[in-house]
Structures are given as structure tokens and as C-alpha cells.
Amino acid sequence: RNIALLVASMAAVGHGTAQLVVAAVICAGSAFKAAYTLPYYDLSNTMLEVWHSLAVAAICLFTAAAGFQTDPARSDVSVLLPASEYQQLVRASMAVQRLT
């Protein structure tokens, strides 16, 4: 579940609503899987996992519905950097992309 959340957040960079909805689906899916397979020896840990996953899914859906991820004043952090530092950052990220 954790790796799926990380991959989903990296795949949807810049699309906050998509990230939150996909994260909610992953968390809800893991909650239903935990409720169905009972991965722990005692029921209390299984119920804790189910409730935790459903709570995270609800928080993600609430945040996506409320629009907190699309604050126009915080969408582009590059305006906070001086032009020379921004260009160095772009060059460094392009060099890392070429290596991979």
C-alpha cells in the first residue's frame, strides 16, 4: 500500500485532485482487503488497520472535494526563487533525468 501511494503521487505530480482521489481509492482498497483477509492474529489489529485506512481515505476525499489542493497562490514555487537559482535548479534536474 505504501509503495502504491508513493507511485501514485509521483505519477500525478501537479494534479492534486487526481493524487488525492487515487490515494483514497488505494486506502479504501487496502481497508477492504484487510477486512476480507484478516492479516493479523487478533481482531483488534485488523480493525485498527481497517479504520485507519478508511479514515485516511475519507480525509483524502474531503480534501479533494474542498479544493485545498488547488490554492492558486501556492501552485508555482519557482516564482520564489531568483532567476539564476531557478536556472541552476532546472539544469541540475535535467542532468539527473539524463542519468536515469
N, C-alpha and C. Protein backbone atom coordinates (compact mmCIF):
# COMPACT_ATOMS: atom_id res chain seq x y z
N ARG A 1 0.82 -1.18 0.00
CA ARG A 1 0.00 0.00 0.00
C ARG A 1 0.87 1.25 0.00
N ASN A 2 1.91 1.29 0.79
CA ASN A 2 2.75 2.49 0.88
C ASN A 2 3.45 2.77 -0.45
N ILE A 3 3.94 1.74 -1.09
CA ILE A 3 4.60 1.93 -2.38
C ILE A 3 3.60 2.39 -3.42
N ALA A 4 2.40 1.84 -3.38
CA ALA A 4 1.37 2.27 -4.34
C ALA A 4 1.01 3.73 -4.13
N LEU A 5 0.96 4.18 -2.89
CA LEU A 5 0.68 5.60 -2.62
C LEU A 5 1.80 6.48 -3.15
N LEU A 6 3.05 6.06 -2.96
CA LEU A 6 4.17 6.86 -3.46
C LEU A 6 4.19 6.92 -4.97
N VAL A 7 3.97 5.80 -5.63
CA VAL A 7 3.97 5.77 -7.09
C VAL A 7 2.82 6.61 -7.64
N ALA A 8 1.66 6.53 -7.01
CA ALA A 8 0.52 7.33 -7.47
C ALA A 8 0.78 8.82 -7.30
N SER A 9 1.42 9.20 -6.20
CA SER A 9 1.70 10.63 -6.01
C SER A 9 2.77 11.13 -6.97
N MET A 10 3.72 10.26 -7.33
CA MET A 10 4.74 10.68 -8.29
C MET A 10 4.17 10.72 -9.71
N ALA A 11 3.26 9.83 -10.02
CA ALA A 11 2.71 9.77 -11.37
C ALA A 11 1.78 10.95 -11.66
N ALA A 12 1.15 11.48 -10.64
CA ALA A 12 0.18 12.56 -10.84
C ALA A 12 0.70 13.88 -10.29
N VAL A 13 1.97 14.15 -10.47
CA VAL A 13 2.54 15.40 -9.98
C VAL A 13 1.87 16.58 -10.68
N GLY A 14 1.44 17.54 -9.91
CA GLY A 14 0.79 18.71 -10.46
C GLY A 14 -0.71 18.56 -10.59
N HIS A 15 -1.23 17.40 -10.29
CA HIS A 15 -2.67 17.16 -10.36
C HIS A 15 -3.14 16.73 -8.98
N GLY A 16 -3.35 17.71 -8.12
CA GLY A 16 -3.65 17.44 -6.72
C GLY A 16 -4.92 16.64 -6.51
N THR A 17 -5.96 16.94 -7.28
CA THR A 17 -7.21 16.22 -7.12
C THR A 17 -7.04 14.76 -7.50
N ALA A 18 -6.34 14.50 -8.59
CA ALA A 18 -6.11 13.12 -9.01
C ALA A 18 -5.28 12.37 -7.97
N GLN A 19 -4.27 13.02 -7.41
CA GLN A 19 -3.47 12.38 -6.38
C GLN A 19 -4.32 11.99 -5.18
N LEU A 20 -5.16 12.89 -4.74
CA LEU A 20 -5.97 12.63 -3.56
C LEU A 20 -7.01 11.54 -3.80
N VAL A 21 -7.64 11.56 -4.97
CA VAL A 21 -8.66 10.55 -5.26
C VAL A 21 -8.01 9.18 -5.41
N VAL A 22 -6.88 9.10 -6.09
CA VAL A 22 -6.18 7.82 -6.24
C VAL A 22 -5.71 7.31 -4.88
N ALA A 23 -5.21 8.21 -4.03
CA ALA A 23 -4.79 7.81 -2.68
C ALA A 23 -5.98 7.29 -1.88
N ALA A 24 -7.13 7.93 -2.03
CA ALA A 24 -8.33 7.46 -1.32
C ALA A 24 -8.75 6.09 -1.81
N VAL A 25 -8.67 5.85 -3.11
CA VAL A 25 -9.04 4.54 -3.66
C VAL A 25 -8.07 3.46 -3.16
N ILE A 26 -6.78 3.78 -3.14
CA ILE A 26 -5.79 2.81 -2.66
C ILE A 26 -6.02 2.49 -1.19
N CYS A 27 -6.28 3.51 -0.37
CA CYS A 27 -6.50 3.28 1.06
C CYS A 27 -7.80 2.51 1.30
N ALA A 28 -8.85 2.84 0.57
CA ALA A 28 -10.11 2.11 0.72
C ALA A 28 -9.93 0.66 0.28
N GLY A 29 -9.20 0.46 -0.80
CA GLY A 29 -8.94 -0.90 -1.26
C GLY A 29 -8.15 -1.71 -0.24
N SER A 30 -7.16 -1.08 0.37
CA SER A 30 -6.38 -1.80 1.38
C SER A 30 -7.22 -2.06 2.63
N ALA A 31 -8.16 -1.18 2.94
CA ALA A 31 -9.05 -1.41 4.08
C ALA A 31 -9.95 -2.62 3.82
N PHE A 32 -10.52 -2.69 2.61
CA PHE A 32 -11.39 -3.82 2.29
C PHE A 32 -10.59 -5.12 2.21
N LYS A 33 -9.36 -5.04 1.73
CA LYS A 33 -8.52 -6.23 1.69
C LYS A 33 -8.20 -6.71 3.10
N ALA A 34 -7.89 -5.78 4.00
CA ALA A 34 -7.60 -6.15 5.38
C ALA A 34 -8.84 -6.73 6.06
N ALA A 35 -10.01 -6.18 5.77
CA ALA A 35 -11.23 -6.71 6.37
C ALA A 35 -11.56 -8.09 5.82
N TYR A 36 -11.20 -8.35 4.59
CA TYR A 36 -11.52 -9.64 3.97
C TYR A 36 -10.51 -10.73 4.33
N THR A 37 -9.23 -10.38 4.35
CA THR A 37 -8.20 -11.41 4.55
C THR A 37 -7.78 -11.59 6.01
N LEU A 38 -8.12 -10.63 6.88
CA LEU A 38 -7.74 -10.68 8.30
C LEU A 38 -6.25 -10.99 8.46
N PRO A 39 -5.37 -10.03 8.12
CA PRO A 39 -3.93 -10.30 8.09
C PRO A 39 -3.27 -10.45 9.46
N TYR A 40 -3.94 -10.06 10.52
CA TYR A 40 -3.35 -10.12 11.86
C TYR A 40 -3.97 -11.26 12.66
N TYR A 41 -3.25 -11.70 13.68
CA TYR A 41 -3.73 -12.80 14.51
C TYR A 41 -4.94 -12.41 15.36
N ASP A 42 -4.95 -11.18 15.84
CA ASP A 42 -6.10 -10.76 16.65
C ASP A 42 -6.96 -9.76 15.88
N LEU A 43 -8.21 -9.73 16.23
CA LEU A 43 -9.17 -8.90 15.51
C LEU A 43 -8.95 -7.41 15.76
N SER A 44 -8.40 -7.04 16.92
CA SER A 44 -8.24 -5.61 17.23
C SER A 44 -7.25 -4.93 16.28
N ASN A 45 -6.17 -5.60 15.93
CA ASN A 45 -5.21 -5.01 14.99
C ASN A 45 -5.81 -4.91 13.59
N THR A 46 -6.58 -5.90 13.21
CA THR A 46 -7.24 -5.85 11.90
C THR A 46 -8.23 -4.69 11.85
N MET A 47 -9.02 -4.53 12.90
CA MET A 47 -9.99 -3.43 12.93
C MET A 47 -9.28 -2.08 12.95
N LEU A 48 -8.16 -2.00 13.65
CA LEU A 48 -7.39 -0.76 13.67
C LEU A 48 -6.87 -0.43 12.26
N GLU A 49 -6.40 -1.43 11.54
CA GLU A 49 -5.93 -1.22 10.17
C GLU A 49 -7.07 -0.78 9.26
N VAL A 50 -8.22 -1.40 9.40
CA VAL A 50 -9.37 -1.05 8.57
C VAL A 50 -9.82 0.38 8.85
N TRP A 51 -9.98 0.73 10.12
CA TRP A 51 -10.44 2.07 10.47
C TRP A 51 -9.41 3.14 10.07
N HIS A 52 -8.14 2.83 10.24
CA HIS A 52 -7.10 3.79 9.87
C HIS A 52 -7.12 4.03 8.36
N SER A 53 -7.21 2.98 7.58
CA SER A 53 -7.22 3.13 6.13
C SER A 53 -8.47 3.87 5.66
N LEU A 54 -9.62 3.55 6.25
CA LEU A 54 -10.84 4.27 5.87
C LEU A 54 -10.80 5.73 6.29
N ALA A 55 -10.17 6.03 7.43
CA ALA A 55 -10.05 7.42 7.85
C ALA A 55 -9.16 8.22 6.90
N VAL A 56 -8.05 7.62 6.47
CA VAL A 56 -7.17 8.29 5.51
C VAL A 56 -7.90 8.51 4.19
N ALA A 57 -8.67 7.52 3.75
CA ALA A 57 -9.44 7.66 2.51
C ALA A 57 -10.47 8.79 2.63
N ALA A 58 -11.14 8.86 3.77
CA ALA A 58 -12.13 9.93 3.98
C ALA A 58 -11.46 11.30 4.00
N ILE A 59 -10.30 11.40 4.64
CA ILE A 59 -9.59 12.68 4.68
C ILE A 59 -9.15 13.10 3.28
N CYS A 60 -8.66 12.15 2.49
CA CYS A 60 -8.24 12.46 1.12
C CYS A 60 -9.43 12.93 0.27
N LEU A 61 -10.56 12.23 0.39
CA LEU A 61 -11.74 12.63 -0.38
C LEU A 61 -12.27 13.98 0.07
N PHE A 62 -12.28 14.24 1.37
CA PHE A 62 -12.73 15.53 1.87
C PHE A 62 -11.83 16.65 1.37
N THR A 63 -10.53 16.42 1.39
CA THR A 63 -9.59 17.44 0.92
C THR A 63 -9.75 17.69 -0.57
N ALA A 64 -9.95 16.63 -1.34
CA ALA A 64 -10.16 16.80 -2.79
C ALA A 64 -11.46 17.54 -3.07
N ALA A 65 -12.50 17.23 -2.32
CA ALA A 65 -13.80 17.88 -2.54
C ALA A 65 -13.79 19.34 -2.10
N ALA A 66 -13.01 19.66 -1.06
CA ALA A 66 -12.98 21.03 -0.55
C ALA A 66 -12.10 21.94 -1.39
N GLY A 67 -11.22 21.37 -2.20
CA GLY A 67 -10.38 22.19 -3.07
C GLY A 67 -9.13 22.73 -2.42
N PHE A 68 -8.67 22.12 -1.34
CA PHE A 68 -7.47 22.62 -0.66
C PHE A 68 -6.21 22.42 -1.49
N GLN A 69 -6.23 21.52 -2.45
CA GLN A 69 -5.04 21.22 -3.23
C GLN A 69 -4.84 22.20 -4.38
N THR A 70 -5.77 23.07 -4.64
CA THR A 70 -5.67 23.98 -5.78
C THR A 70 -5.62 25.44 -5.35
N ASP A 71 -4.81 25.75 -4.37
CA ASP A 71 -4.64 27.13 -3.94
C ASP A 71 -3.81 27.86 -4.99
N PRO A 72 -4.38 28.84 -5.70
CA PRO A 72 -3.62 29.48 -6.78
C PRO A 72 -2.39 30.24 -6.31
N ALA A 73 -2.35 30.66 -5.07
CA ALA A 73 -1.18 31.39 -4.59
C ALA A 73 -0.01 30.46 -4.31
N ARG A 74 -0.25 29.16 -4.26
CA ARG A 74 0.82 28.22 -3.92
C ARG A 74 1.08 27.21 -5.01
N SER A 75 0.60 27.45 -6.20
CA SER A 75 0.74 26.44 -7.24
C SER A 75 2.13 26.40 -7.86
N ASP A 76 2.81 27.51 -7.95
CA ASP A 76 4.11 27.54 -8.61
C ASP A 76 5.15 28.10 -7.65
N VAL A 77 6.00 27.23 -7.13
CA VAL A 77 7.02 27.67 -6.18
C VAL A 77 8.24 28.26 -6.88
N SER A 78 8.34 28.12 -8.19
CA SER A 78 9.52 28.64 -8.89
C SER A 78 9.57 30.16 -8.86
N VAL A 79 8.44 30.84 -8.64
CA VAL A 79 8.47 32.30 -8.58
C VAL A 79 9.15 32.79 -7.32
N LEU A 80 9.33 31.92 -6.33
CA LEU A 80 10.00 32.32 -5.10
C LEU A 80 11.52 32.34 -5.24
N LEU A 81 12.05 31.66 -6.26
CA LEU A 81 13.49 31.59 -6.46
C LEU A 81 13.95 32.70 -7.39
N PRO A 82 15.14 33.23 -7.13
CA PRO A 82 15.72 34.16 -8.10
C PRO A 82 15.97 33.44 -9.43
N ALA A 83 16.02 34.17 -10.49
CA ALA A 83 16.14 33.57 -11.83
C ALA A 83 17.39 32.70 -11.95
N SER A 84 18.52 33.15 -11.39
CA SER A 84 19.75 32.37 -11.51
C SER A 84 19.66 31.04 -10.76
N GLU A 85 19.08 31.07 -9.56
CA GLU A 85 18.93 29.83 -8.80
C GLU A 85 17.95 28.89 -9.47
N TYR A 86 16.90 29.45 -10.06
CA TYR A 86 15.93 28.62 -10.76
C TYR A 86 16.56 27.93 -11.96
N GLN A 87 17.39 28.66 -12.70
CA GLN A 87 18.05 28.07 -13.86
C GLN A 87 19.02 26.97 -13.43
N GLN A 88 19.74 27.18 -12.32
CA GLN A 88 20.63 26.14 -11.81
C GLN A 88 19.84 24.90 -11.39
N LEU A 89 18.69 25.11 -10.77
CA LEU A 89 17.84 24.00 -10.35
C LEU A 89 17.32 23.22 -11.56
N VAL A 90 16.94 23.93 -12.60
CA VAL A 90 16.46 23.27 -13.82
C VAL A 90 17.58 22.48 -14.47
N ARG A 91 18.78 23.06 -14.54
CA ARG A 91 19.92 22.34 -15.12
C ARG A 91 20.25 21.10 -14.31
N ALA A 92 20.22 21.20 -13.00
CA ALA A 92 20.53 20.04 -12.15
C ALA A 92 19.48 18.94 -12.31
N SER A 93 18.23 19.33 -12.39
CA SER A 93 17.20 18.31 -12.57
C SER A 93 17.26 17.66 -13.94
N MET A 94 17.65 18.44 -14.96
CA MET A 94 17.81 17.86 -16.30
C MET A 94 18.99 16.90 -16.32
N ALA A 95 20.06 17.22 -15.59
CA ALA A 95 21.22 16.32 -15.53
C ALA A 95 20.83 15.01 -14.84
N VAL A 96 20.03 15.09 -13.79
CA VAL A 96 19.60 13.88 -13.11
C VAL A 96 18.70 13.06 -14.03
N GLN A 97 17.84 13.70 -14.79
CA GLN A 97 16.97 12.98 -15.72
C GLN A 97 17.78 12.27 -16.81
N ARG A 98 18.86 12.90 -17.26
CA ARG A 98 19.69 12.27 -18.28
C ARG A 98 20.39 11.03 -17.72
N LEU A 99 20.74 11.06 -16.44
CA LEU A 99 21.41 9.92 -15.84
C LEU A 99 20.49 8.71 -15.69
N THR A 100 19.21 8.96 -15.54
CA THR A 100 18.29 7.84 -15.31
C THR A 100 17.68 7.33 -16.54
